[in-house]
Amino acid sequence: MIKISQIKSKARDCLVNHIGVAINATLIYVFIYAIVIYYVTPSYGSAATAVWAEAASVIIGLIAGLFDAGFAYFYLQMVYYDEARSFNIFHAFREMPYKSMLLKAVITAVSLVCEIPLLVYEFSNLGRINYIYLLAFQLAA
């Protein structure tokens, strides 16, 4: 039976050999995600912009699902001592993108259903709520 310390040392060795590539892949993802969020998602002001922002959030979430699958492929390559390259985070765009988007669509739908009461309360006459709550729901997706 394999001990936990052996598994930890193997994982540490895999990460140490590819730490630069892992940081590079993460920075590429953060850069792309930040640009998309900055230019696509409008700020909340009226109900129409809230609907547009939620639609943009769903679309961005589906694309982020492709990146999540790409990161899973990237880390699996690191674990199995394959050649891990930074641009492997785009792997899901080539290999069966509909599967990862379908999985992310389910998660996004559940998140949106949970977010609807908060949005209704925000745009009702009951008053404004703090945007920290809305940000927490977005990050949970």
N, C-alpha and C. Protein backbone atom coordinates (compact mmCIF):
# COMPACT_ATOMS: atom_id res chain seq x y z
N MET A 1 0.85 -1.18 0.00
CA MET A 1 0.00 0.00 0.00
C MET A 1 0.89 1.24 0.00
N ILE A 2 0.50 2.22 -0.77
CA ILE A 2 1.27 3.45 -0.89
C ILE A 2 0.94 4.36 0.29
N LYS A 3 1.98 4.91 0.87
CA LYS A 3 1.79 5.84 1.99
C LYS A 3 1.47 7.23 1.47
N ILE A 4 0.80 8.00 2.31
CA ILE A 4 0.44 9.36 1.95
C ILE A 4 1.69 10.21 1.73
N SER A 5 2.73 9.96 2.49
CA SER A 5 3.96 10.74 2.33
C SER A 5 4.59 10.50 0.96
N GLN A 6 4.46 9.29 0.43
CA GLN A 6 4.98 9.01 -0.91
C GLN A 6 4.18 9.77 -1.98
N ILE A 7 2.87 9.83 -1.80
CA ILE A 7 2.02 10.56 -2.74
C ILE A 7 2.35 12.05 -2.68
N LYS A 8 2.53 12.58 -1.48
CA LYS A 8 2.86 14.00 -1.33
C LYS A 8 4.21 14.32 -1.96
N SER A 9 5.18 13.45 -1.76
CA SER A 9 6.50 13.72 -2.34
C SER A 9 6.46 13.65 -3.87
N LYS A 10 5.66 12.74 -4.41
CA LYS A 10 5.53 12.65 -5.86
C LYS A 10 4.85 13.90 -6.41
N ALA A 11 3.80 14.37 -5.75
CA ALA A 11 3.11 15.58 -6.19
C ALA A 11 4.03 16.79 -6.09
N ARG A 12 4.82 16.87 -5.02
CA ARG A 12 5.76 17.98 -4.85
C ARG A 12 6.81 17.96 -5.96
N ASP A 13 7.31 16.79 -6.30
CA ASP A 13 8.30 16.68 -7.38
C ASP A 13 7.70 17.13 -8.72
N CYS A 14 6.48 16.74 -8.98
CA CYS A 14 5.83 17.14 -10.23
C CYS A 14 5.67 18.65 -10.30
N LEU A 15 5.27 19.26 -9.20
CA LEU A 15 5.05 20.70 -9.19
C LEU A 15 6.36 21.47 -9.26
N VAL A 16 7.39 21.00 -8.57
CA VAL A 16 8.68 21.69 -8.58
C VAL A 16 9.26 21.70 -10.00
N ASN A 17 9.10 20.63 -10.73
CA ASN A 17 9.63 20.57 -12.08
C ASN A 17 8.87 21.46 -13.05
N HIS A 18 7.63 21.80 -12.75
CA HIS A 18 6.79 22.56 -13.68
C HIS A 18 6.22 23.83 -13.05
N ILE A 19 6.84 24.36 -12.02
CA ILE A 19 6.25 25.51 -11.33
C ILE A 19 6.19 26.74 -12.23
N GLY A 20 7.21 26.95 -13.04
CA GLY A 20 7.20 28.10 -13.95
C GLY A 20 6.11 28.00 -14.99
N VAL A 21 5.90 26.80 -15.49
CA VAL A 21 4.86 26.59 -16.50
C VAL A 21 3.49 26.77 -15.86
N ALA A 22 3.31 26.31 -14.64
CA ALA A 22 2.03 26.46 -13.95
C ALA A 22 1.71 27.94 -13.68
N ILE A 23 2.72 28.69 -13.27
CA ILE A 23 2.51 30.13 -13.05
C ILE A 23 2.18 30.83 -14.36
N ASN A 24 2.89 30.46 -15.42
CA ASN A 24 2.65 31.06 -16.73
C ASN A 24 1.23 30.77 -17.21
N ALA A 25 0.77 29.55 -17.05
CA ALA A 25 -0.59 29.18 -17.47
C ALA A 25 -1.64 29.95 -16.67
N THR A 26 -1.40 30.10 -15.38
CA THR A 26 -2.34 30.84 -14.54
C THR A 26 -2.38 32.31 -14.92
N LEU A 27 -1.24 32.89 -15.21
CA LEU A 27 -1.20 34.30 -15.62
C LEU A 27 -1.90 34.52 -16.96
N ILE A 28 -1.75 33.60 -17.89
CA ILE A 28 -2.45 33.70 -19.17
C ILE A 28 -3.96 33.69 -18.94
N TYR A 29 -4.42 32.76 -18.09
CA TYR A 29 -5.86 32.67 -17.81
C TYR A 29 -6.37 33.93 -17.13
N VAL A 30 -5.67 34.42 -16.13
CA VAL A 30 -6.10 35.61 -15.41
C VAL A 30 -6.14 36.82 -16.34
N PHE A 31 -5.15 36.95 -17.20
CA PHE A 31 -5.10 38.06 -18.14
C PHE A 31 -6.30 38.02 -19.10
N ILE A 32 -6.58 36.88 -19.68
CA ILE A 32 -7.70 36.75 -20.60
C ILE A 32 -9.03 36.99 -19.88
N TYR A 33 -9.18 36.41 -18.71
CA TYR A 33 -10.43 36.55 -17.95
C TYR A 33 -10.66 38.00 -17.54
N ALA A 34 -9.60 38.69 -17.10
CA ALA A 34 -9.73 40.08 -16.68
C ALA A 34 -10.13 40.97 -17.85
N ILE A 35 -9.55 40.75 -19.02
CA ILE A 35 -9.90 41.55 -20.19
C ILE A 35 -11.35 41.31 -20.57
N VAL A 36 -11.77 40.06 -20.59
CA VAL A 36 -13.15 39.75 -20.97
C VAL A 36 -14.13 40.35 -19.97
N ILE A 37 -13.87 40.21 -18.70
CA ILE A 37 -14.76 40.77 -17.68
C ILE A 37 -14.82 42.29 -17.79
N TYR A 38 -13.68 42.92 -18.02
CA TYR A 38 -13.63 44.39 -18.07
C TYR A 38 -14.40 44.94 -19.26
N TYR A 39 -14.26 44.30 -20.42
CA TYR A 39 -14.87 44.85 -21.62
C TYR A 39 -16.28 44.34 -21.91
N VAL A 40 -16.68 43.22 -21.36
CA VAL A 40 -17.98 42.65 -21.71
C VAL A 40 -19.05 42.93 -20.67
N THR A 41 -18.71 42.84 -19.41
CA THR A 41 -19.71 42.96 -18.35
C THR A 41 -19.95 44.43 -17.99
N PRO A 42 -21.16 44.93 -18.18
CA PRO A 42 -21.45 46.31 -17.78
C PRO A 42 -21.70 46.41 -16.29
N SER A 43 -21.67 47.61 -15.79
CA SER A 43 -22.00 47.80 -14.38
C SER A 43 -23.51 47.83 -14.22
N TYR A 44 -23.97 47.48 -13.03
CA TYR A 44 -25.40 47.46 -12.77
C TYR A 44 -25.91 48.88 -12.58
N GLY A 45 -27.03 49.19 -13.20
CA GLY A 45 -27.63 50.50 -13.04
C GLY A 45 -29.13 50.40 -13.13
N SER A 46 -29.59 49.75 -14.17
CA SER A 46 -31.03 49.57 -14.35
C SER A 46 -31.31 48.08 -14.53
N ALA A 47 -32.56 47.77 -14.69
CA ALA A 47 -32.93 46.36 -14.87
C ALA A 47 -32.42 45.83 -16.21
N ALA A 48 -32.39 46.69 -17.23
CA ALA A 48 -31.91 46.25 -18.55
C ALA A 48 -30.42 45.91 -18.50
N THR A 49 -29.65 46.75 -17.82
CA THR A 49 -28.21 46.44 -17.73
C THR A 49 -27.98 45.24 -16.83
N ALA A 50 -28.85 45.01 -15.87
CA ALA A 50 -28.70 43.83 -15.03
C ALA A 50 -28.95 42.56 -15.83
N VAL A 51 -29.94 42.60 -16.72
CA VAL A 51 -30.21 41.44 -17.58
C VAL A 51 -29.04 41.21 -18.52
N TRP A 52 -28.51 42.29 -19.10
CA TRP A 52 -27.35 42.17 -19.99
C TRP A 52 -26.14 41.62 -19.22
N ALA A 53 -25.93 42.11 -18.00
CA ALA A 53 -24.80 41.64 -17.21
C ALA A 53 -24.94 40.17 -16.85
N GLU A 54 -26.15 39.74 -16.54
CA GLU A 54 -26.36 38.34 -16.22
C GLU A 54 -26.17 37.45 -17.45
N ALA A 55 -26.63 37.91 -18.60
CA ALA A 55 -26.42 37.15 -19.84
C ALA A 55 -24.94 37.05 -20.16
N ALA A 56 -24.23 38.16 -20.00
CA ALA A 56 -22.78 38.15 -20.22
C ALA A 56 -22.09 37.24 -19.22
N SER A 57 -22.58 37.24 -18.00
CA SER A 57 -21.99 36.39 -16.96
C SER A 57 -22.17 34.91 -17.29
N VAL A 58 -23.32 34.55 -17.84
CA VAL A 58 -23.57 33.16 -18.23
C VAL A 58 -22.65 32.75 -19.37
N ILE A 59 -22.51 33.62 -20.36
CA ILE A 59 -21.64 33.31 -21.50
C ILE A 59 -20.19 33.21 -21.06
N ILE A 60 -19.76 34.13 -20.23
CA ILE A 60 -18.39 34.10 -19.72
C ILE A 60 -18.18 32.85 -18.86
N GLY A 61 -19.19 32.47 -18.10
CA GLY A 61 -19.10 31.26 -17.29
C GLY A 61 -18.93 30.00 -18.11
N LEU A 62 -19.64 29.94 -19.24
CA LEU A 62 -19.50 28.78 -20.12
C LEU A 62 -18.10 28.71 -20.72
N ILE A 63 -17.58 29.84 -21.12
CA ILE A 63 -16.22 29.86 -21.66
C ILE A 63 -15.21 29.53 -20.57
N ALA A 64 -15.47 30.01 -19.36
CA ALA A 64 -14.58 29.68 -18.24
C ALA A 64 -14.60 28.18 -17.96
N GLY A 65 -15.71 27.51 -18.25
CA GLY A 65 -15.76 26.05 -18.11
C GLY A 65 -14.78 25.36 -19.02
N LEU A 66 -14.58 25.92 -20.21
CA LEU A 66 -13.57 25.37 -21.11
C LEU A 66 -12.17 25.52 -20.52
N PHE A 67 -11.93 26.66 -19.91
CA PHE A 67 -10.63 26.86 -19.28
C PHE A 67 -10.44 25.94 -18.08
N ASP A 68 -11.51 25.70 -17.32
CA ASP A 68 -11.42 24.77 -16.18
C ASP A 68 -11.03 23.38 -16.63
N ALA A 69 -11.64 22.93 -17.73
CA ALA A 69 -11.28 21.61 -18.27
C ALA A 69 -9.84 21.62 -18.78
N GLY A 70 -9.43 22.73 -19.37
CA GLY A 70 -8.05 22.84 -19.83
C GLY A 70 -7.06 22.80 -18.68
N PHE A 71 -7.41 23.45 -17.57
CA PHE A 71 -6.53 23.38 -16.40
C PHE A 71 -6.47 21.96 -15.84
N ALA A 72 -7.58 21.26 -15.85
CA ALA A 72 -7.57 19.86 -15.39
C ALA A 72 -6.64 19.02 -16.26
N TYR A 73 -6.71 19.22 -17.58
CA TYR A 73 -5.82 18.50 -18.49
C TYR A 73 -4.37 18.88 -18.24
N PHE A 74 -4.12 20.15 -18.00
CA PHE A 74 -2.76 20.64 -17.73
C PHE A 74 -2.18 19.98 -16.49
N TYR A 75 -2.96 19.95 -15.41
CA TYR A 75 -2.46 19.37 -14.16
C TYR A 75 -2.31 17.85 -14.25
N LEU A 76 -3.18 17.21 -15.02
CA LEU A 76 -3.02 15.77 -15.23
C LEU A 76 -1.73 15.47 -15.99
N GLN A 77 -1.38 16.32 -16.93
CA GLN A 77 -0.11 16.14 -17.62
C GLN A 77 1.06 16.30 -16.68
N MET A 78 0.94 17.23 -15.75
CA MET A 78 2.02 17.41 -14.77
C MET A 78 2.17 16.17 -13.90
N VAL A 79 1.05 15.62 -13.49
CA VAL A 79 1.09 14.47 -12.59
C VAL A 79 1.67 13.24 -13.29
N TYR A 80 1.33 13.07 -14.55
CA TYR A 80 1.79 11.88 -15.27
C TYR A 80 3.11 12.10 -16.00
N TYR A 81 3.83 13.15 -15.63
CA TYR A 81 5.15 13.44 -16.17
C TYR A 81 5.15 13.62 -17.69
N ASP A 82 4.05 14.05 -18.26
CA ASP A 82 4.03 14.39 -19.67
C ASP A 82 4.56 15.81 -19.83
N GLU A 83 4.69 16.23 -21.07
CA GLU A 83 5.16 17.58 -21.32
C GLU A 83 4.02 18.55 -21.05
N ALA A 84 4.13 19.28 -19.97
CA ALA A 84 3.10 20.25 -19.61
C ALA A 84 3.50 21.60 -20.19
N ARG A 85 2.65 22.13 -21.06
CA ARG A 85 2.90 23.43 -21.67
C ARG A 85 1.80 24.39 -21.22
N SER A 86 2.14 25.66 -21.21
CA SER A 86 1.19 26.67 -20.73
C SER A 86 -0.08 26.71 -21.56
N PHE A 87 0.04 26.50 -22.85
CA PHE A 87 -1.13 26.62 -23.72
C PHE A 87 -2.00 25.37 -23.72
N ASN A 88 -1.71 24.43 -22.83
CA ASN A 88 -2.61 23.28 -22.66
C ASN A 88 -3.91 23.68 -21.97
N ILE A 89 -3.96 24.89 -21.42
CA ILE A 89 -5.22 25.34 -20.82
C ILE A 89 -6.28 25.57 -21.89
N PHE A 90 -5.87 25.63 -23.17
CA PHE A 90 -6.80 25.76 -24.28
C PHE A 90 -7.19 24.41 -24.87
N HIS A 91 -6.81 23.33 -24.22
CA HIS A 91 -7.06 21.98 -24.75
C HIS A 91 -8.54 21.68 -24.94
N ALA A 92 -9.36 22.15 -24.04
CA ALA A 92 -10.80 21.85 -24.12
C ALA A 92 -11.47 22.57 -25.28
N PHE A 93 -10.84 23.60 -25.82
CA PHE A 93 -11.40 24.26 -26.99
C PHE A 93 -11.30 23.35 -28.22
N ARG A 94 -10.33 22.43 -28.21
CA ARG A 94 -10.13 21.52 -29.34
C ARG A 94 -10.81 20.18 -29.14
N GLU A 95 -10.75 19.64 -27.95
CA GLU A 95 -11.24 18.29 -27.66
C GLU A 95 -12.58 18.34 -26.94
N MET A 96 -13.63 18.03 -27.63
CA MET A 96 -14.99 17.92 -27.09
C MET A 96 -15.38 19.09 -26.19
N PRO A 97 -15.45 20.30 -26.73
CA PRO A 97 -15.80 21.45 -25.89
C PRO A 97 -17.23 21.40 -25.36
N TYR A 98 -18.12 20.69 -26.05
CA TYR A 98 -19.51 20.65 -25.61
C TYR A 98 -19.67 19.95 -24.27
N LYS A 99 -18.80 19.00 -23.95
CA LYS A 99 -18.93 18.30 -22.66
C LYS A 99 -18.61 19.23 -21.49
N SER A 100 -17.51 19.95 -21.61
CA SER A 100 -17.15 20.85 -20.51
C SER A 100 -18.13 22.01 -20.41
N MET A 101 -18.63 22.48 -21.54
CA MET A 101 -19.62 23.56 -21.50
C MET A 101 -20.94 23.07 -20.92
N LEU A 102 -21.30 21.83 -21.16
CA LEU A 102 -22.52 21.27 -20.59
C LEU A 102 -22.42 21.16 -19.07
N LEU A 103 -21.28 20.70 -18.59
CA LEU A 103 -21.08 20.63 -17.14
C LEU A 103 -21.12 22.02 -16.51
N LYS A 104 -20.47 22.97 -17.14
CA LYS A 104 -20.47 24.33 -16.61
C LYS A 104 -21.85 24.97 -16.72
N ALA A 105 -22.63 24.58 -17.75
CA ALA A 105 -23.98 25.13 -17.90
C ALA A 105 -24.87 24.72 -16.73
N VAL A 106 -24.72 23.50 -16.27
CA VAL A 106 -25.51 23.05 -15.12
C VAL A 106 -25.15 23.85 -13.88
N ILE A 107 -23.85 24.04 -13.65
CA ILE A 107 -23.41 24.81 -12.48
C ILE A 107 -23.87 26.26 -12.60
N THR A 108 -23.78 26.83 -13.79
CA THR A 108 -24.20 28.22 -14.00
C THR A 108 -25.71 28.36 -13.81
N ALA A 109 -26.48 27.40 -14.27
CA ALA A 109 -27.93 27.46 -14.11
C ALA A 109 -28.33 27.42 -12.64
N VAL A 110 -27.69 26.56 -11.88
CA VAL A 110 -27.98 26.49 -10.44
C VAL A 110 -27.59 27.81 -9.76
N SER A 111 -26.47 28.36 -10.14
CA SER A 111 -26.02 29.63 -9.57
C SER A 111 -26.99 30.75 -9.92
N LEU A 112 -27.46 30.76 -11.15
CA LEU A 112 -28.39 31.81 -11.58
C LEU A 112 -29.72 31.69 -10.86
N VAL A 113 -30.20 30.48 -10.67
CA VAL A 113 -31.46 30.28 -9.94
C VAL A 113 -31.32 30.76 -8.50
N CYS A 114 -30.17 30.51 -7.89
CA CYS A 114 -29.95 30.98 -6.52
C CYS A 114 -29.79 32.49 -6.46
N GLU A 115 -29.37 33.10 -7.56
CA GLU A 115 -29.11 34.53 -7.60
C GLU A 115 -30.37 35.35 -7.89
N ILE A 116 -31.39 34.75 -8.45
CA ILE A 116 -32.60 35.48 -8.86
C ILE A 116 -33.27 36.22 -7.69
N PRO A 117 -33.48 35.63 -6.53
CA PRO A 117 -34.10 36.39 -5.44
C PRO A 117 -33.28 37.62 -5.03
N LEU A 118 -31.98 37.50 -5.09
CA LEU A 118 -31.13 38.63 -4.76
C LEU A 118 -31.29 39.76 -5.78
N LEU A 119 -31.36 39.42 -7.05
CA LEU A 119 -31.55 40.43 -8.08
C LEU A 119 -32.92 41.08 -8.01
N VAL A 120 -33.95 40.29 -7.71
CA VAL A 120 -35.30 40.85 -7.58
C VAL A 120 -35.34 41.81 -6.40
N TYR A 121 -34.72 41.45 -5.31
CA TYR A 121 -34.70 42.33 -4.15
C TYR A 121 -33.93 43.61 -4.46
N GLU A 122 -32.85 43.48 -5.20
CA GLU A 122 -32.02 44.64 -5.50
C GLU A 122 -32.76 45.67 -6.33
N PHE A 123 -33.52 45.23 -7.31
CA PHE A 123 -34.19 46.16 -8.20
C PHE A 123 -35.64 46.42 -7.83
N SER A 124 -36.05 45.99 -6.66
CA SER A 124 -37.40 46.32 -6.19
C SER A 124 -37.33 47.66 -5.45
N ASN A 125 -38.45 48.10 -4.95
CA ASN A 125 -38.50 49.37 -4.22
C ASN A 125 -38.09 49.21 -2.77
N LEU A 126 -37.64 48.02 -2.41
CA LEU A 126 -37.26 47.79 -1.01
C LEU A 126 -35.92 48.42 -0.67
N GLY A 127 -35.17 48.80 -1.66
CA GLY A 127 -33.89 49.46 -1.39
C GLY A 127 -32.75 48.74 -2.06
N ARG A 128 -31.60 49.33 -1.97
CA ARG A 128 -30.38 48.78 -2.57
C ARG A 128 -29.67 47.89 -1.55
N ILE A 129 -29.00 46.89 -2.06
CA ILE A 129 -28.22 46.02 -1.20
C ILE A 129 -26.75 46.25 -1.50
N ASN A 130 -25.93 45.74 -0.68
CA ASN A 130 -24.50 45.88 -0.87
C ASN A 130 -24.04 44.97 -2.00
N TYR A 131 -23.17 45.47 -2.86
CA TYR A 131 -22.70 44.69 -4.00
C TYR A 131 -21.73 43.58 -3.59
N ILE A 132 -21.33 43.56 -2.35
CA ILE A 132 -20.45 42.47 -1.88
C ILE A 132 -21.21 41.14 -1.93
N TYR A 133 -22.50 41.16 -1.61
CA TYR A 133 -23.29 39.94 -1.68
C TYR A 133 -23.38 39.44 -3.11
N LEU A 134 -23.59 40.36 -4.06
CA LEU A 134 -23.68 39.98 -5.46
C LEU A 134 -22.34 39.43 -5.95
N LEU A 135 -21.25 40.03 -5.51
CA LEU A 135 -19.92 39.56 -5.89
C LEU A 135 -19.68 38.15 -5.32
N ALA A 136 -20.17 37.90 -4.12
CA ALA A 136 -20.01 36.57 -3.53
C ALA A 136 -20.75 35.51 -4.34
N PHE A 137 -21.95 35.84 -4.83
CA PHE A 137 -22.68 34.89 -5.67
C PHE A 137 -21.98 34.67 -7.00
N GLN A 138 -21.40 35.73 -7.57
CA GLN A 138 -20.68 35.58 -8.83
C GLN A 138 -19.44 34.71 -8.66
N LEU A 139 -18.72 34.89 -7.57
CA LEU A 139 -17.52 34.09 -7.34
C LEU A 139 -17.84 32.64 -7.04
N ALA A 140 -19.04 32.41 -6.48
CA ALA A 140 -19.43 31.02 -6.20
C ALA A 140 -19.69 30.25 -7.48
N ALA A 141 -20.03 30.94 -8.53
CA ALA A 141 -20.28 30.28 -9.82
C ALA A 141 -18.96 29.92 -10.39
